[in-house]
PDB file of N, CA and C in Angstrom:
ATOM      1  N   UNK A   1      83.609  17.053  69.658  1.00  0.00           N
ATOM      2  CA  UNK A   1      84.396  17.968  68.851  1.00  0.00           C
ATOM      3  C   UNK A   1      84.340  19.355  69.482  1.00  0.00           C
ATOM      4  N   UNK A   2      85.476  19.969  69.695  1.00  0.00           N
ATOM      5  CA  UNK A   2      85.541  21.329  70.236  1.00  0.00           C
ATOM      6  C   UNK A   2      85.501  22.328  69.089  1.00  0.00           C
ATOM      7  N   UNK A   3      84.681  23.331  69.263  1.00  0.00           N
ATOM      8  CA  UNK A   3      84.608  24.444  68.322  1.00  0.00           C
ATOM      9  C   UNK A   3      84.974  25.710  69.067  1.00  0.00           C
ATOM     10  N   UNK A   4      85.622  26.625  68.386  1.00  0.00           N
ATOM     11  CA  UNK A   4      85.931  27.909  68.998  1.00  0.00           C
ATOM     12  C   UNK A   4      84.648  28.736  69.060  1.00  0.00           C
ATOM     13  N   UNK A   5      84.403  29.381  70.197  1.00  0.00           N
ATOM     14  CA  UNK A   5      83.164  30.129  70.399  1.00  0.00           C
ATOM     15  C   UNK A   5      83.235  31.583  69.930  1.00  0.00           C
ATOM     16  N   UNK A   6      84.385  32.027  69.432  1.00  0.00           N
ATOM     17  CA  UNK A   6      84.507  33.399  68.938  1.00  0.00           C
ATOM     18  C   UNK A   6      83.754  33.508  67.611  1.00  0.00           C
ATOM     19  N   UNK A   7      82.885  34.512  67.519  1.00  0.00           N
ATOM     20  CA  UNK A   7      82.108  34.702  66.298  1.00  0.00           C
ATOM     21  C   UNK A   7      83.014  34.792  65.079  1.00  0.00           C
ATOM     22  N   UNK A   8      82.690  34.023  64.053  1.00  0.00           N
ATOM     23  CA  UNK A   8      83.448  34.050  62.809  1.00  0.00           C
ATOM     24  C   UNK A   8      84.635  33.112  62.766  1.00  0.00           C
ATOM     25  N   UNK A   9      85.049  32.561  63.900  1.00  0.00           N
ATOM     26  CA  UNK A   9      86.187  31.641  63.919  1.00  0.00           C
ATOM     27  C   UNK A   9      85.713  30.252  63.510  1.00  0.00           C
ATOM     28  N   UNK A  10      86.435  29.637  62.605  1.00  0.00           N
ATOM     29  CA  UNK A  10      86.065  28.316  62.092  1.00  0.00           C
ATOM     30  C   UNK A  10      86.934  27.195  62.669  1.00  0.00           C
ATOM     31  N   UNK A  11      87.726  27.508  63.672  1.00  0.00           N
ATOM     32  CA  UNK A  11      88.626  26.498  64.246  1.00  0.00           C
ATOM     33  C   UNK A  11      87.841  25.410  64.964  1.00  0.00           C
ATOM     34  N   UNK A  12      88.267  24.177  64.744  1.00  0.00           N
ATOM     35  CA  UNK A  12      87.706  23.040  65.468  1.00  0.00           C
ATOM     36  C   UNK A  12      88.781  21.976  65.625  1.00  0.00           C
ATOM     37  N   UNK A  13      88.531  21.026  66.493  1.00  0.00           N
ATOM     38  CA  UNK A  13      89.545  19.991  66.774  1.00  0.00           C
ATOM     39  C   UNK A  13      89.692  18.985  65.647  1.00  0.00           C
ATOM     40  N   UNK A  14      88.742  18.952  64.731  1.00  0.00           N
ATOM     41  CA  UNK A  14      88.815  17.997  63.631  1.00  0.00           C
ATOM     42  C   UNK A  14      89.939  18.354  62.653  1.00  0.00           C
ATOM     43  N   UNK A  15      90.241  19.624  62.537  1.00  0.00           N
ATOM     44  CA  UNK A  15      91.329  20.055  61.657  1.00  0.00           C
ATOM     45  C   UNK A  15      92.638  19.881  62.411  1.00  0.00           C
ATOM     46  N   UNK A  16      93.639  19.461  61.704  1.00  0.00           N
ATOM     47  CA  UNK A  16      94.916  19.156  62.356  1.00  0.00           C
ATOM     48  C   UNK A  16      95.894  20.322  62.230  1.00  0.00           C
ATOM     49  N   UNK A  17      95.892  21.196  63.223  1.00  0.00           N
ATOM     50  CA  UNK A  17      96.840  22.304  63.289  1.00  0.00           C
ATOM     51  C   UNK A  17      97.719  22.053  64.507  1.00  0.00           C
ATOM     52  N   UNK A  18      99.007  21.804  64.313  1.00  0.00           N
ATOM     53  CA  UNK A  18      99.878  21.424  65.431  1.00  0.00           C
ATOM     54  C   UNK A  18      99.982  22.467  66.542  1.00  0.00           C
ATOM     55  N   UNK A  19      99.847  23.744  66.217  1.00  0.00           N
ATOM     56  CA  UNK A  19     100.000  24.782  67.237  1.00  0.00           C
ATOM     57  C   UNK A  19      98.675  25.278  67.796  1.00  0.00           C
ATOM     58  N   UNK A  20      97.569  24.654  67.415  1.00  0.00           N
ATOM     59  CA  UNK A  20      96.251  25.097  67.854  1.00  0.00           C
ATOM     60  C   UNK A  20      95.818  24.319  69.093  1.00  0.00           C
ATOM     61  N   UNK A  21      95.396  25.056  70.109  1.00  0.00           N
ATOM     62  CA  UNK A  21      94.867  24.414  71.315  1.00  0.00           C
ATOM     63  C   UNK A  21      93.564  25.109  71.691  1.00  0.00           C
ATOM     64  N   UNK A  22      92.759  24.443  72.510  1.00  0.00           N
ATOM     65  CA  UNK A  22      91.461  24.970  72.923  1.00  0.00           C
ATOM     66  C   UNK A  22      91.446  25.141  74.431  1.00  0.00           C
ATOM     67  N   UNK A  23      90.855  26.248  74.890  1.00  0.00           N
ATOM     68  CA  UNK A  23      90.905  26.608  76.301  1.00  0.00           C
ATOM     69  C   UNK A  23      89.509  26.828  76.856  1.00  0.00           C
ATOM     70  N   UNK A  24      89.264  26.245  78.019  1.00  0.00           N
ATOM     71  CA  UNK A  24      87.988  26.421  78.713  1.00  0.00           C
ATOM     72  C   UNK A  24      87.909  27.823  79.290  1.00  0.00           C
ATOM     73  N   UNK A  25      86.698  28.313  79.440  1.00  0.00           N
ATOM     74  CA  UNK A  25      86.501  29.631  80.032  1.00  0.00           C
ATOM     75  C   UNK A  25      86.888  29.587  81.508  1.00  0.00           C
ATOM     76  N   UNK A  26      87.458  30.682  82.015  1.00  0.00           N
ATOM     77  CA  UNK A  26      87.891  30.716  83.421  1.00  0.00           C
ATOM     78  C   UNK A  26      86.705  30.742  84.383  1.00  0.00           C
ATOM     79  N   UNK A  27      86.945  30.341  85.614  1.00  0.00           N
ATOM     80  CA  UNK A  27      85.894  30.376  86.635  1.00  0.00           C
ATOM     81  C   UNK A  27      85.852  31.716  87.360  1.00  0.00           C
ATOM     82  N   UNK A  28      86.956  32.463  87.348  1.00  0.00           N
ATOM     83  CA  UNK A  28      86.980  33.794  87.951  1.00  0.00           C
ATOM     84  C   UNK A  28      86.001  34.693  87.191  1.00  0.00           C
ATOM     85  N   UNK A  29      85.041  35.293  87.901  1.00  0.00           N
ATOM     86  CA  UNK A  29      83.961  36.038  87.258  1.00  0.00           C
ATOM     87  C   UNK A  29      84.460  37.202  86.397  1.00  0.00           C
ATOM     88  N   UNK A  30      85.392  37.995  86.901  1.00  0.00           N
ATOM     89  CA  UNK A  30      85.891  39.146  86.137  1.00  0.00           C
ATOM     90  C   UNK A  30      86.606  38.715  84.861  1.00  0.00           C
ATOM     91  N   UNK A  31      87.427  37.699  84.967  1.00  0.00           N
ATOM     92  CA  UNK A  31      88.130  37.182  83.799  1.00  0.00           C
ATOM     93  C   UNK A  31      87.147  36.537  82.822  1.00  0.00           C
ATOM     94  N   UNK A  32      86.175  35.831  83.357  1.00  0.00           N
ATOM     95  CA  UNK A  32      85.136  35.216  82.526  1.00  0.00           C
ATOM     96  C   UNK A  32      84.420  36.276  81.693  1.00  0.00           C
ATOM     97  N   UNK A  33      84.057  37.395  82.312  1.00  0.00           N
ATOM     98  CA  UNK A  33      83.355  38.465  81.598  1.00  0.00           C
ATOM     99  C   UNK A  33      84.213  39.051  80.473  1.00  0.00           C
ATOM    100  N   UNK A  34      85.522  39.158  80.695  1.00  0.00           N
ATOM    101  CA  UNK A  34      86.426  39.635  79.641  1.00  0.00           C
ATOM    102  C   UNK A  34      86.458  38.665  78.467  1.00  0.00           C
ATOM    103  N   UNK A  35      86.523  37.385  78.773  1.00  0.00           N
ATOM    104  CA  UNK A  35      86.539  36.374  77.725  1.00  0.00           C
ATOM    105  C   UNK A  35      85.230  36.381  76.947  1.00  0.00           C
ATOM    106  N   UNK A  36      84.102  36.456  77.655  1.00  0.00           N
ATOM    107  CA  UNK A  36      82.789  36.474  76.991  1.00  0.00           C
ATOM    108  C   UNK A  36      82.714  37.682  76.054  1.00  0.00           C
ATOM    109  N   UNK A  37      83.161  38.832  76.526  1.00  0.00           N
ATOM    110  CA  UNK A  37      83.153  40.042  75.698  1.00  0.00           C
ATOM    111  C   UNK A  37      84.007  39.849  74.451  1.00  0.00           C
ATOM    112  N   UNK A  38      85.126  39.151  74.588  1.00  0.00           N
ATOM    113  CA  UNK A  38      86.036  38.962  73.456  1.00  0.00           C
ATOM    114  C   UNK A  38      85.476  38.031  72.383  1.00  0.00           C
ATOM    115  N   UNK A  39      84.419  37.283  72.689  1.00  0.00           N
ATOM    116  CA  UNK A  39      83.824  36.393  71.685  1.00  0.00           C
ATOM    117  C   UNK A  39      83.000  37.156  70.660  1.00  0.00           C
ATOM    118  N   UNK A  40      82.608  38.391  70.997  1.00  0.00           N
ATOM    119  CA  UNK A  40      81.778  39.170  70.088  1.00  0.00           C
ATOM    120  C   UNK A  40      80.302  38.826  70.176  1.00  0.00           C
ATOM    121  N   UNK A  41      79.940  38.005  71.150  1.00  0.00           N
ATOM    122  CA  UNK A  41      78.540  37.598  71.320  1.00  0.00           C
ATOM    123  C   UNK A  41      77.865  38.508  72.345  1.00  0.00           C
ATOM    124  N   UNK A  42      76.553  38.700  72.189  1.00  0.00           N
ATOM    125  CA  UNK A  42      75.789  39.486  73.156  1.00  0.00           C
ATOM    126  C   UNK A  42      74.739  38.598  73.811  1.00  0.00           C
ATOM    127  N   UNK A  43      74.441  38.889  75.065  1.00  0.00           N
ATOM    128  CA  UNK A  43      73.446  38.110  75.825  1.00  0.00           C
ATOM    129  C   UNK A  43      73.723  36.612  75.725  1.00  0.00           C
ATOM    130  N   UNK A  44      74.963  36.231  75.988  1.00  0.00           N
ATOM    131  CA  UNK A  44      75.401  34.847  75.829  1.00  0.00           C
ATOM    132  C   UNK A  44      76.194  34.420  77.057  1.00  0.00           C
ATOM    133  N   UNK A  45      75.959  33.210  77.495  1.00  0.00           N
ATOM    134  CA  UNK A  45      76.701  32.638  78.617  1.00  0.00           C
ATOM    135  C   UNK A  45      77.328  31.330  78.150  1.00  0.00           C
ATOM    136  N   UNK A  46      78.643  31.176  78.323  1.00  0.00           N
ATOM    137  CA  UNK A  46      79.283  29.934  77.887  1.00  0.00           C
ATOM    138  C   UNK A  46      78.881  28.758  78.769  1.00  0.00           C
ATOM    139  N   UNK A  47      78.829  27.591  78.158  1.00  0.00           N
ATOM    140  CA  UNK A  47      78.588  26.351  78.901  1.00  0.00           C
ATOM    141  C   UNK A  47      79.929  25.834  79.407  1.00  0.00           C
ATOM    142  N   UNK A  48      79.876  24.841  80.251  1.00  0.00           N
ATOM    143  CA  UNK A  48      81.103  24.264  80.804  1.00  0.00           C
ATOM    144  C   UNK A  48      82.015  23.711  79.699  1.00  0.00           C
ATOM    145  N   UNK A  49      81.431  23.242  78.614  1.00  0.00           N
ATOM    146  CA  UNK A  49      82.205  22.646  77.527  1.00  0.00           C
ATOM    147  C   UNK A  49      82.653  23.657  76.465  1.00  0.00           C
ATOM    148  N   UNK A  50      82.267  24.923  76.596  1.00  0.00           N
ATOM    149  CA  UNK A  50      82.593  25.950  75.607  1.00  0.00           C
ATOM    150  C   UNK A  50      84.085  26.282  75.641  1.00  0.00           C
ATOM    151  N   UNK A  51      84.673  26.480  74.468  1.00  0.00           N
ATOM    152  CA  UNK A  51      86.119  26.723  74.348  1.00  0.00           C
ATOM    153  C   UNK A  51      86.415  27.942  73.478  1.00  0.00           C
ATOM    154  N   UNK A  52      87.625  28.469  73.646  1.00  0.00           N
ATOM    155  CA  UNK A  52      88.196  29.472  72.745  1.00  0.00           C
ATOM    156  C   UNK A  52      89.528  28.907  72.266  1.00  0.00           C
ATOM    157  N   UNK A  53      89.790  29.019  70.960  1.00  0.00           N
ATOM    158  CA  UNK A  53      91.046  28.470  70.445  1.00  0.00           C
ATOM    159  C   UNK A  53      92.202  29.441  70.673  1.00  0.00           C
ATOM    160  N   UNK A  54      93.394  28.905  70.581  1.00  0.00           N
ATOM    161  CA  UNK A  54      94.608  29.670  70.876  1.00  0.00           C
ATOM    162  C   UNK A  54      94.894  30.773  69.864  1.00  0.00           C
ATOM    163  N   UNK A  55      94.171  30.815  68.747  1.00  0.00           N
ATOM    164  CA  UNK A  55      94.352  31.898  67.777  1.00  0.00           C
ATOM    165  C   UNK A  55      94.018  33.261  68.387  1.00  0.00           C
ATOM    166  N   UNK A  56      93.233  33.264  69.459  1.00  0.00           N
ATOM    167  CA  UNK A  56      92.742  34.509  70.043  1.00  0.00           C
ATOM    168  C   UNK A  56      93.539  34.958  71.268  1.00  0.00           C
ATOM    169  N   UNK A  57      94.707  34.359  71.464  1.00  0.00           N
ATOM    170  CA  UNK A  57      95.593  34.718  72.568  1.00  0.00           C
ATOM    171  C   UNK A  57      96.985  34.995  72.015  1.00  0.00           C
ATOM    172  N   UNK A  58      97.712  35.902  72.652  1.00  0.00           N
ATOM    173  CA  UNK A  58      99.111  36.118  72.281  1.00  0.00           C
ATOM    174  C   UNK A  58      99.888  34.860  72.657  1.00  0.00           C
ATOM    175  N   UNK A  59     100.872  34.521  71.861  1.00  0.00           N
ATOM    176  CA  UNK A  59     101.647  33.300  72.115  1.00  0.00           C
ATOM    177  C   UNK A  59     102.277  33.279  73.503  1.00  0.00           C
ATOM    178  N   UNK A  60     102.652  34.446  74.043  1.00  0.00           N
ATOM    179  CA  UNK A  60     103.276  34.470  75.367  1.00  0.00           C
ATOM    180  C   UNK A  60     102.265  34.247  76.490  1.00  0.00           C
ATOM    181  N   UNK A  61     100.974  34.209  76.176  1.00  0.00           N
ATOM    182  CA  UNK A  61      99.955  33.937  77.191  1.00  0.00           C
ATOM    183  C   UNK A  61      99.794  32.437  77.435  1.00  0.00           C
ATOM    184  N   UNK A  62     100.163  31.622  76.461  1.00  0.00           N
ATOM    185  CA  UNK A  62     100.055  30.173  76.606  1.00  0.00           C
ATOM    186  C   UNK A  62     101.363  29.683  77.198  1.00  0.00           C
ATOM    187  N   UNK A  63     101.302  29.218  78.462  1.00  0.00           N
ATOM    188  CA  UNK A  63     102.534  28.813  79.137  1.00  0.00           C
ATOM    189  C   UNK A  63     102.850  27.337  78.939  1.00  0.00           C
ATOM    190  N   UNK A  64     101.854  26.562  78.636  1.00  0.00           N
ATOM    191  CA  UNK A  64     102.029  25.146  78.371  1.00  0.00           C
ATOM    192  C   UNK A  64     100.778  24.736  77.611  1.00  0.00           C
ATOM    193  N   UNK A  65     100.850  23.713  76.821  1.00  0.00           N
ATOM    194  CA  UNK A  65      99.700  23.335  76.007  1.00  0.00           C
ATOM    195  C   UNK A  65      98.435  23.274  76.862  1.00  0.00           C
ATOM    196  N   UNK A  66      97.424  23.992  76.438  1.00  0.00           N
ATOM    197  CA  UNK A  66      96.113  24.075  77.088  1.00  0.00           C
ATOM    198  C   UNK A  66      96.131  24.805  78.425  1.00  0.00           C
ATOM    199  N   UNK A  67      97.195  25.549  78.739  1.00  0.00           N
ATOM    200  CA  UNK A  67      97.253  26.347  79.967  1.00  0.00           C
ATOM    201  C   UNK A  67      97.544  27.793  79.590  1.00  0.00           C
ATOM    202  N   UNK A  68      96.834  28.720  80.229  1.00  0.00           N
ATOM    203  CA  UNK A  68      97.009  30.137  79.938  1.00  0.00           C
ATOM    204  C   UNK A  68      97.473  30.883  81.170  1.00  0.00           C
ATOM    205  N   UNK A  69      98.198  31.985  80.949  1.00  0.00           N
ATOM    206  CA  UNK A  69      98.524  32.870  82.060  1.00  0.00           C
ATOM    207  C   UNK A  69      97.306  33.733  82.339  1.00  0.00           C
ATOM    208  N   UNK A  70      97.274  34.373  83.478  1.00  0.00           N
ATOM    209  CA  UNK A  70      96.117  35.202  83.827  1.00  0.00           C
ATOM    210  C   UNK A  70      96.056  36.415  83.000  1.00  0.00           C
TER     211      UNK A  70
END
């Protein structure tokens, strides 16, 4: 089950929201640091399986289901 890693977000894959998708953290270090900061967590490193749900991105950033623009 995927859970969104943003503090306070209750999104998970078990709930059926047709427009909700989950995105893996980027491998680019600078972009990764921006994403980590956006989670609201401190002294935290995401695991390979950690996700952020599409609620935290502008709709124009998602170019195809589960794919994001830079």
